Amino acid sequence: MQRLVFFALGSVATLALLLVTGWLAPPGGSERADAGGHYTLYAEFADAGTLKPGARVALAGVTVGEVADVQLNARGYRAKVRMRIDQSLDHLAIDSVAIIMTAGLVGEQYIEISPGGHPETLSDNDYIEDTQSAMSIETLIRRRIVRPR
């Protein structure tokens, strides 16, 4: 009897954990929630560093989306980044800047958007033209060694 109680409690706890972490979400549930909740923006960088899909996109330190994809644009040899931005942030100016930042000294990289002031706004599938690439510690050290002050 005691084994049955422990088995039942363990099963309930496992199911609860799977539900909380999203492993047992109903099929198609997340797609329906995303359908009207996000729009896509693109940006190209000379160096994407270690930016990965799933990295956060922030504005004023607040998460407003995520990196959906990082690919090489073979024509210009630049990193093309696709971002999913929350629909509630539908008024980003066309002169906004996308900057690849690092969380802490050696943390994960993410994109910080610095809003512009132009009255025209970005729409679905637009490009953020002004970008700043990832800063690499190795590059900074190499510059310091090659050109000491």
N, C-alpha and C. Protein backbone atom coordinates (compact mmCIF):
# COMPACT_ATOMS: atom_id res chain seq x y z
N MET A 1 0.83 -1.20 0.00
CA MET A 1 0.00 0.00 0.00
C MET A 1 0.87 1.26 0.00
N GLN A 2 1.93 1.23 0.81
CA GLN A 2 2.80 2.38 0.91
C GLN A 2 3.50 2.64 -0.43
N ARG A 3 3.88 1.58 -1.14
CA ARG A 3 4.52 1.72 -2.44
C ARG A 3 3.56 2.36 -3.44
N LEU A 4 2.31 1.99 -3.39
CA LEU A 4 1.31 2.55 -4.29
C LEU A 4 1.14 4.05 -4.05
N VAL A 5 1.14 4.47 -2.79
CA VAL A 5 1.01 5.88 -2.45
C VAL A 5 2.21 6.66 -2.98
N PHE A 6 3.44 6.13 -2.77
CA PHE A 6 4.65 6.80 -3.26
C PHE A 6 4.66 6.86 -4.79
N PHE A 7 4.19 5.78 -5.44
CA PHE A 7 4.12 5.77 -6.90
C PHE A 7 3.14 6.84 -7.40
N ALA A 8 1.99 6.93 -6.76
CA ALA A 8 0.98 7.91 -7.16
C ALA A 8 1.50 9.33 -6.94
N LEU A 9 2.11 9.59 -5.80
CA LEU A 9 2.66 10.92 -5.52
C LEU A 9 3.77 11.26 -6.52
N GLY A 10 4.63 10.30 -6.81
CA GLY A 10 5.71 10.53 -7.78
C GLY A 10 5.16 10.82 -9.16
N SER A 11 4.12 10.09 -9.56
CA SER A 11 3.50 10.31 -10.88
C SER A 11 2.87 11.69 -10.97
N VAL A 12 2.16 12.10 -9.95
CA VAL A 12 1.53 13.42 -9.94
C VAL A 12 2.59 14.51 -9.98
N ALA A 13 3.66 14.36 -9.20
CA ALA A 13 4.73 15.36 -9.19
C ALA A 13 5.42 15.44 -10.55
N THR A 14 5.65 14.31 -11.19
CA THR A 14 6.28 14.29 -12.51
C THR A 14 5.39 14.97 -13.54
N LEU A 15 4.10 14.65 -13.54
CA LEU A 15 3.18 15.29 -14.48
C LEU A 15 3.10 16.80 -14.25
N ALA A 16 3.08 17.21 -13.00
CA ALA A 16 3.04 18.65 -12.70
C ALA A 16 4.30 19.34 -13.20
N LEU A 17 5.45 18.70 -13.00
CA LEU A 17 6.71 19.28 -13.48
C LEU A 17 6.73 19.38 -15.00
N LEU A 18 6.23 18.35 -15.69
CA LEU A 18 6.19 18.38 -17.15
C LEU A 18 5.24 19.46 -17.66
N LEU A 19 4.12 19.64 -16.99
CA LEU A 19 3.18 20.69 -17.39
C LEU A 19 3.79 22.07 -17.19
N VAL A 20 4.45 22.28 -16.05
CA VAL A 20 5.04 23.58 -15.75
C VAL A 20 6.16 23.91 -16.74
N THR A 21 6.98 22.94 -17.11
CA THR A 21 8.09 23.20 -18.03
C THR A 21 7.67 23.21 -19.49
N GLY A 22 6.41 22.88 -19.78
CA GLY A 22 5.92 22.96 -21.15
C GLY A 22 6.05 21.69 -21.96
N TRP A 23 6.53 20.62 -21.39
CA TRP A 23 6.70 19.37 -22.14
C TRP A 23 5.37 18.74 -22.49
N LEU A 24 4.32 19.00 -21.73
CA LEU A 24 3.01 18.39 -22.01
C LEU A 24 1.99 19.42 -22.47
N ALA A 25 2.44 20.45 -23.13
CA ALA A 25 1.51 21.47 -23.63
C ALA A 25 0.65 20.85 -24.73
N PRO A 26 -0.58 21.27 -24.86
CA PRO A 26 -1.42 20.73 -25.91
C PRO A 26 -0.83 21.04 -27.29
N PRO A 27 -0.92 20.09 -28.24
CA PRO A 27 -0.34 20.33 -29.55
C PRO A 27 -0.95 21.55 -30.22
N GLY A 28 -0.08 22.39 -30.80
CA GLY A 28 -0.56 23.57 -31.50
C GLY A 28 -0.90 24.73 -30.60
N GLY A 29 -0.80 24.57 -29.30
CA GLY A 29 -1.16 25.64 -28.38
C GLY A 29 -0.26 26.84 -28.51
N SER A 30 1.05 26.60 -28.62
CA SER A 30 1.97 27.73 -28.69
C SER A 30 1.86 28.45 -30.03
N GLU A 31 1.58 27.72 -31.12
CA GLU A 31 1.44 28.39 -32.41
C GLU A 31 0.25 29.34 -32.40
N ARG A 32 -0.84 28.91 -31.80
CA ARG A 32 -2.01 29.76 -31.76
C ARG A 32 -1.74 31.01 -30.93
N ALA A 33 -1.02 30.86 -29.84
CA ALA A 33 -0.71 32.02 -29.00
C ALA A 33 0.22 32.97 -29.72
N ASP A 34 1.13 32.44 -30.57
CA ASP A 34 2.09 33.28 -31.27
C ASP A 34 1.48 33.97 -32.49
N ALA A 35 0.40 33.43 -33.03
CA ALA A 35 -0.12 33.90 -34.31
C ALA A 35 -0.24 35.41 -34.39
N GLY A 36 -0.81 36.05 -33.40
CA GLY A 36 -0.97 37.49 -33.46
C GLY A 36 -0.09 38.21 -32.46
N GLY A 37 0.77 37.49 -31.74
CA GLY A 37 1.52 38.08 -30.65
C GLY A 37 2.89 38.61 -31.00
N HIS A 38 3.39 38.33 -32.20
CA HIS A 38 4.75 38.75 -32.56
C HIS A 38 4.80 39.22 -34.01
N TYR A 39 5.80 40.02 -34.30
CA TYR A 39 6.11 40.35 -35.69
C TYR A 39 7.62 40.18 -35.87
N THR A 40 8.07 40.14 -37.11
CA THR A 40 9.46 39.83 -37.42
C THR A 40 10.23 41.07 -37.86
N LEU A 41 11.42 41.22 -37.31
CA LEU A 41 12.36 42.24 -37.75
C LEU A 41 13.68 41.56 -38.07
N TYR A 42 14.45 42.15 -38.97
CA TYR A 42 15.76 41.63 -39.35
C TYR A 42 16.82 42.67 -39.07
N ALA A 43 18.04 42.20 -38.86
CA ALA A 43 19.21 43.08 -38.75
C ALA A 43 20.41 42.29 -39.23
N GLU A 44 21.37 42.99 -39.83
CA GLU A 44 22.60 42.33 -40.28
C GLU A 44 23.78 42.93 -39.53
N PHE A 45 24.70 42.05 -39.12
CA PHE A 45 25.85 42.44 -38.33
C PHE A 45 27.13 41.94 -38.99
N ALA A 46 28.21 42.69 -38.87
CA ALA A 46 29.51 42.25 -39.39
C ALA A 46 30.01 41.07 -38.56
N ASP A 47 29.65 41.02 -37.27
CA ASP A 47 30.08 39.94 -36.39
C ASP A 47 28.97 39.67 -35.38
N ALA A 48 28.39 38.48 -35.44
CA ALA A 48 27.31 38.13 -34.52
C ALA A 48 27.84 37.53 -33.23
N GLY A 49 29.15 37.34 -33.13
CA GLY A 49 29.72 36.77 -31.90
C GLY A 49 29.14 35.40 -31.63
N THR A 50 28.66 35.20 -30.41
CA THR A 50 28.07 33.91 -30.02
C THR A 50 26.55 34.01 -29.87
N LEU A 51 25.95 34.99 -30.56
CA LEU A 51 24.50 35.16 -30.51
C LEU A 51 23.82 33.90 -31.04
N LYS A 52 22.82 33.43 -30.31
CA LYS A 52 22.14 32.18 -30.68
C LYS A 52 20.63 32.38 -30.74
N PRO A 53 19.95 31.52 -31.52
CA PRO A 53 18.48 31.54 -31.48
C PRO A 53 17.99 31.34 -30.05
N GLY A 54 16.97 32.06 -29.68
CA GLY A 54 16.44 31.99 -28.33
C GLY A 54 16.98 33.09 -27.43
N ALA A 55 18.04 33.78 -27.87
CA ALA A 55 18.58 34.88 -27.07
C ALA A 55 17.54 35.99 -26.99
N ARG A 56 17.57 36.73 -25.92
CA ARG A 56 16.56 37.77 -25.74
C ARG A 56 16.85 39.00 -26.57
N VAL A 57 15.79 39.71 -26.89
CA VAL A 57 15.88 41.03 -27.52
C VAL A 57 15.28 41.98 -26.49
N ALA A 58 16.02 43.02 -26.14
CA ALA A 58 15.59 43.92 -25.07
C ALA A 58 15.56 45.36 -25.55
N LEU A 59 14.75 46.16 -24.86
CA LEU A 59 14.69 47.60 -25.07
C LEU A 59 14.66 48.21 -23.67
N ALA A 60 15.61 49.05 -23.36
CA ALA A 60 15.74 49.65 -22.02
C ALA A 60 15.88 48.56 -20.95
N GLY A 61 16.51 47.45 -21.32
CA GLY A 61 16.73 46.37 -20.38
C GLY A 61 15.54 45.44 -20.18
N VAL A 62 14.43 45.73 -20.84
CA VAL A 62 13.22 44.91 -20.71
C VAL A 62 13.11 44.00 -21.93
N THR A 63 12.88 42.72 -21.71
CA THR A 63 12.76 41.77 -22.82
C THR A 63 11.51 42.07 -23.63
N VAL A 64 11.70 42.25 -24.96
CA VAL A 64 10.59 42.57 -25.86
C VAL A 64 10.49 41.56 -27.00
N GLY A 65 11.32 40.53 -26.98
CA GLY A 65 11.30 39.53 -28.03
C GLY A 65 12.45 38.56 -27.89
N GLU A 66 12.68 37.82 -28.98
CA GLU A 66 13.78 36.86 -28.95
C GLU A 66 14.37 36.71 -30.35
N VAL A 67 15.61 36.23 -30.38
CA VAL A 67 16.28 35.94 -31.64
C VAL A 67 15.71 34.64 -32.16
N ALA A 68 15.17 34.67 -33.37
CA ALA A 68 14.57 33.47 -33.96
C ALA A 68 15.60 32.68 -34.77
N ASP A 69 16.55 33.39 -35.40
CA ASP A 69 17.47 32.71 -36.31
C ASP A 69 18.69 33.57 -36.55
N VAL A 70 19.84 32.92 -36.71
CA VAL A 70 21.08 33.61 -37.08
C VAL A 70 21.68 32.84 -38.25
N GLN A 71 21.82 33.51 -39.39
CA GLN A 71 22.36 32.86 -40.59
C GLN A 71 23.39 33.77 -41.24
N LEU A 72 24.17 33.17 -42.14
CA LEU A 72 25.12 33.96 -42.91
C LEU A 72 24.47 34.42 -44.20
N ASN A 73 24.52 35.74 -44.45
CA ASN A 73 24.06 36.27 -45.72
C ASN A 73 25.26 36.15 -46.66
N ALA A 74 25.21 35.18 -47.55
CA ALA A 74 26.34 34.85 -48.41
C ALA A 74 26.70 35.97 -49.37
N ARG A 75 25.75 36.84 -49.69
CA ARG A 75 26.05 37.93 -50.63
C ARG A 75 26.97 38.97 -50.01
N GLY A 76 26.74 39.34 -48.79
CA GLY A 76 27.55 40.37 -48.16
C GLY A 76 28.44 39.86 -47.05
N TYR A 77 28.41 38.55 -46.82
CA TYR A 77 29.19 37.92 -45.75
C TYR A 77 28.95 38.60 -44.41
N ARG A 78 27.68 38.79 -44.11
CA ARG A 78 27.27 39.37 -42.84
C ARG A 78 26.30 38.40 -42.16
N ALA A 79 26.22 38.50 -40.85
CA ALA A 79 25.30 37.66 -40.09
C ALA A 79 23.91 38.29 -40.15
N LYS A 80 22.95 37.53 -40.68
CA LYS A 80 21.57 37.99 -40.78
C LYS A 80 20.79 37.42 -39.60
N VAL A 81 20.22 38.30 -38.79
CA VAL A 81 19.51 37.90 -37.58
C VAL A 81 18.03 38.20 -37.75
N ARG A 82 17.22 37.17 -37.51
CA ARG A 82 15.76 37.33 -37.54
C ARG A 82 15.27 37.38 -36.10
N MET A 83 14.49 38.40 -35.76
CA MET A 83 13.99 38.59 -34.40
C MET A 83 12.47 38.56 -34.38
N ARG A 84 11.93 37.96 -33.34
CA ARG A 84 10.48 37.97 -33.10
C ARG A 84 10.22 38.98 -31.99
N ILE A 85 9.49 40.04 -32.35
CA ILE A 85 9.24 41.15 -31.43
C ILE A 85 7.78 41.11 -30.98
N ASP A 86 7.55 41.35 -29.68
CA ASP A 86 6.18 41.39 -29.16
C ASP A 86 5.35 42.41 -29.91
N GLN A 87 4.15 42.02 -30.28
CA GLN A 87 3.23 42.88 -31.05
C GLN A 87 2.92 44.18 -30.31
N SER A 88 2.98 44.15 -28.99
CA SER A 88 2.68 45.37 -28.22
C SER A 88 3.71 46.48 -28.48
N LEU A 89 4.88 46.11 -28.99
CA LEU A 89 5.92 47.11 -29.30
C LEU A 89 5.88 47.37 -30.80
N ASP A 90 4.79 47.99 -31.24
CA ASP A 90 4.56 48.18 -32.68
C ASP A 90 4.90 49.59 -33.14
N HIS A 91 5.70 50.30 -32.36
CA HIS A 91 5.99 51.69 -32.70
C HIS A 91 7.49 51.99 -32.67
N LEU A 92 8.31 51.01 -33.04
CA LEU A 92 9.75 51.24 -33.10
C LEU A 92 10.09 52.11 -34.31
N ALA A 93 10.83 53.17 -34.08
CA ALA A 93 11.19 54.10 -35.16
C ALA A 93 12.15 53.44 -36.14
N ILE A 94 12.09 53.85 -37.40
CA ILE A 94 12.94 53.25 -38.43
C ILE A 94 14.42 53.55 -38.22
N ASP A 95 14.74 54.54 -37.39
CA ASP A 95 16.14 54.84 -37.13
C ASP A 95 16.63 54.22 -35.82
N SER A 96 15.92 53.21 -35.32
CA SER A 96 16.37 52.49 -34.13
C SER A 96 17.66 51.73 -34.44
N VAL A 97 18.41 51.42 -33.40
CA VAL A 97 19.70 50.75 -33.55
C VAL A 97 19.64 49.40 -32.83
N ALA A 98 20.14 48.34 -33.49
CA ALA A 98 20.24 47.02 -32.87
C ALA A 98 21.70 46.78 -32.50
N ILE A 99 21.95 46.49 -31.22
CA ILE A 99 23.30 46.33 -30.70
C ILE A 99 23.42 44.96 -30.06
N ILE A 100 24.45 44.21 -30.43
CA ILE A 100 24.70 42.93 -29.76
C ILE A 100 25.47 43.22 -28.48
N MET A 101 24.88 42.86 -27.35
CA MET A 101 25.46 43.10 -26.04
C MET A 101 25.78 41.77 -25.36
N THR A 102 26.57 41.84 -24.30
CA THR A 102 26.88 40.66 -23.50
C THR A 102 26.38 40.90 -22.09
N ALA A 103 25.67 39.92 -21.55
CA ALA A 103 25.17 40.01 -20.18
C ALA A 103 26.35 39.77 -19.24
N GLY A 104 26.77 40.78 -18.53
CA GLY A 104 27.91 40.66 -17.64
C GLY A 104 29.21 40.62 -18.42
N LEU A 105 30.28 40.16 -17.78
CA LEU A 105 31.59 40.15 -18.42
C LEU A 105 31.72 39.04 -19.45
N VAL A 106 31.26 37.85 -19.13
CA VAL A 106 31.37 36.73 -20.06
C VAL A 106 30.04 35.99 -20.20
N GLY A 107 28.94 36.71 -20.03
CA GLY A 107 27.62 36.10 -20.12
C GLY A 107 27.18 35.87 -21.55
N GLU A 108 25.94 35.43 -21.69
CA GLU A 108 25.39 35.19 -23.02
C GLU A 108 25.12 36.51 -23.73
N GLN A 109 25.15 36.45 -25.04
CA GLN A 109 24.90 37.65 -25.83
C GLN A 109 23.42 37.78 -26.14
N TYR A 110 22.98 39.02 -26.28
CA TYR A 110 21.59 39.32 -26.61
C TYR A 110 21.58 40.60 -27.44
N ILE A 111 20.42 40.96 -27.96
CA ILE A 111 20.29 42.18 -28.75
C ILE A 111 19.56 43.24 -27.93
N GLU A 112 20.18 44.40 -27.84
CA GLU A 112 19.55 45.55 -27.20
C GLU A 112 19.15 46.51 -28.32
N ILE A 113 17.90 46.92 -28.31
CA ILE A 113 17.43 47.89 -29.30
C ILE A 113 17.41 49.26 -28.66
N SER A 114 18.09 50.19 -29.31
CA SER A 114 18.09 51.59 -28.87
C SER A 114 17.10 52.33 -29.76
N PRO A 115 15.99 52.80 -29.19
CA PRO A 115 14.94 53.40 -30.02
C PRO A 115 15.39 54.71 -30.66
N GLY A 116 14.93 54.93 -31.87
CA GLY A 116 15.22 56.17 -32.57
C GLY A 116 14.11 57.19 -32.32
N GLY A 117 14.16 58.29 -33.07
CA GLY A 117 13.17 59.34 -32.88
C GLY A 117 12.39 59.68 -34.13
N HIS A 118 12.61 58.93 -35.20
CA HIS A 118 11.93 59.20 -36.46
C HIS A 118 10.43 58.90 -36.32
N PRO A 119 9.57 59.69 -36.96
CA PRO A 119 8.12 59.43 -36.85
C PRO A 119 7.67 58.15 -37.58
N GLU A 120 8.40 57.72 -38.61
CA GLU A 120 8.03 56.48 -39.29
C GLU A 120 8.46 55.28 -38.45
N THR A 121 7.66 54.23 -38.47
CA THR A 121 7.95 53.06 -37.64
C THR A 121 8.24 51.83 -38.49
N LEU A 122 8.91 50.87 -37.85
CA LEU A 122 9.22 49.59 -38.50
C LEU A 122 7.97 48.72 -38.54
N SER A 123 7.83 47.95 -39.62
CA SER A 123 6.70 47.03 -39.77
C SER A 123 7.22 45.60 -39.86
N ASP A 124 6.30 44.66 -39.93
CA ASP A 124 6.64 43.25 -40.05
C ASP A 124 7.57 43.03 -41.24
N ASN A 125 8.64 42.28 -41.03
CA ASN A 125 9.66 41.91 -42.03
C ASN A 125 10.56 43.07 -42.46
N ASP A 126 10.57 44.18 -41.73
CA ASP A 126 11.50 45.28 -42.01
C ASP A 126 12.88 44.97 -41.44
N TYR A 127 13.87 45.73 -41.93
CA TYR A 127 15.24 45.63 -41.44
C TYR A 127 15.56 46.81 -40.54
N ILE A 128 16.27 46.54 -39.45
CA ILE A 128 16.88 47.61 -38.67
C ILE A 128 18.22 47.86 -39.35
N GLU A 129 18.35 49.01 -39.97
CA GLU A 129 19.53 49.30 -40.80
C GLU A 129 20.78 49.59 -39.98
N ASP A 130 20.63 50.28 -38.87
CA ASP A 130 21.78 50.69 -38.06
C ASP A 130 22.05 49.63 -37.00
N THR A 131 23.23 49.00 -37.08
CA THR A 131 23.57 47.93 -36.15
C THR A 131 24.98 48.11 -35.60
N GLN A 132 25.23 47.52 -34.45
CA GLN A 132 26.57 47.47 -33.86
C GLN A 132 26.86 46.02 -33.52
N SER A 133 27.97 45.52 -34.03
CA SER A 133 28.33 44.11 -33.86
C SER A 133 28.79 43.81 -32.44
N ALA A 134 28.92 42.53 -32.19
CA ALA A 134 29.38 42.04 -30.90
C ALA A 134 30.83 42.46 -30.66
N MET A 135 31.13 42.82 -29.42
CA MET A 135 32.51 43.12 -29.04
C MET A 135 33.13 41.83 -28.51
N SER A 136 34.29 41.50 -29.02
CA SER A 136 34.97 40.27 -28.61
C SER A 136 36.14 40.62 -27.70
N ILE A 137 36.23 39.92 -26.59
CA ILE A 137 37.34 40.15 -25.66
C ILE A 137 38.67 39.87 -26.35
N GLU A 138 38.68 38.82 -27.19
CA GLU A 138 39.90 38.47 -27.90
C GLU A 138 40.35 39.62 -28.81
N THR A 139 39.39 40.23 -29.51
CA THR A 139 39.71 41.35 -30.40
C THR A 139 40.25 42.53 -29.60
N LEU A 140 39.65 42.84 -28.47
CA LEU A 140 40.12 43.94 -27.64
C LEU A 140 41.54 43.69 -27.13
N ILE A 141 41.80 42.47 -26.71
CA ILE A 141 43.15 42.12 -26.24
C ILE A 141 44.15 42.21 -27.38
N ARG A 142 43.78 41.69 -28.54
CA ARG A 142 44.67 41.75 -29.70
C ARG A 142 44.99 43.21 -30.06
N ARG A 143 44.00 44.08 -30.03
CA ARG A 143 44.23 45.49 -30.32
C ARG A 143 45.18 46.11 -29.31
N ARG A 144 45.02 45.73 -28.07
CA ARG A 144 45.85 46.28 -26.99
C ARG A 144 47.31 45.81 -27.14
N ILE A 145 47.50 44.55 -27.55
CA ILE A 145 48.84 44.01 -27.70
C ILE A 145 49.51 44.60 -28.95
N VAL A 146 48.78 44.71 -30.03
CA VAL A 146 49.33 45.22 -31.28
C VAL A 146 49.60 46.71 -31.17
N ARG A 147 48.71 47.46 -30.55
CA ARG A 147 48.87 48.91 -30.42
C ARG A 147 48.87 49.31 -28.94
N PRO A 148 49.94 49.02 -28.22
CA PRO A 148 49.94 49.41 -26.79
C PRO A 148 50.01 50.93 -26.66
N ARG A 149 49.46 51.43 -25.58
CA ARG A 149 49.45 52.88 -25.35
C ARG A 149 50.52 53.25 -24.39
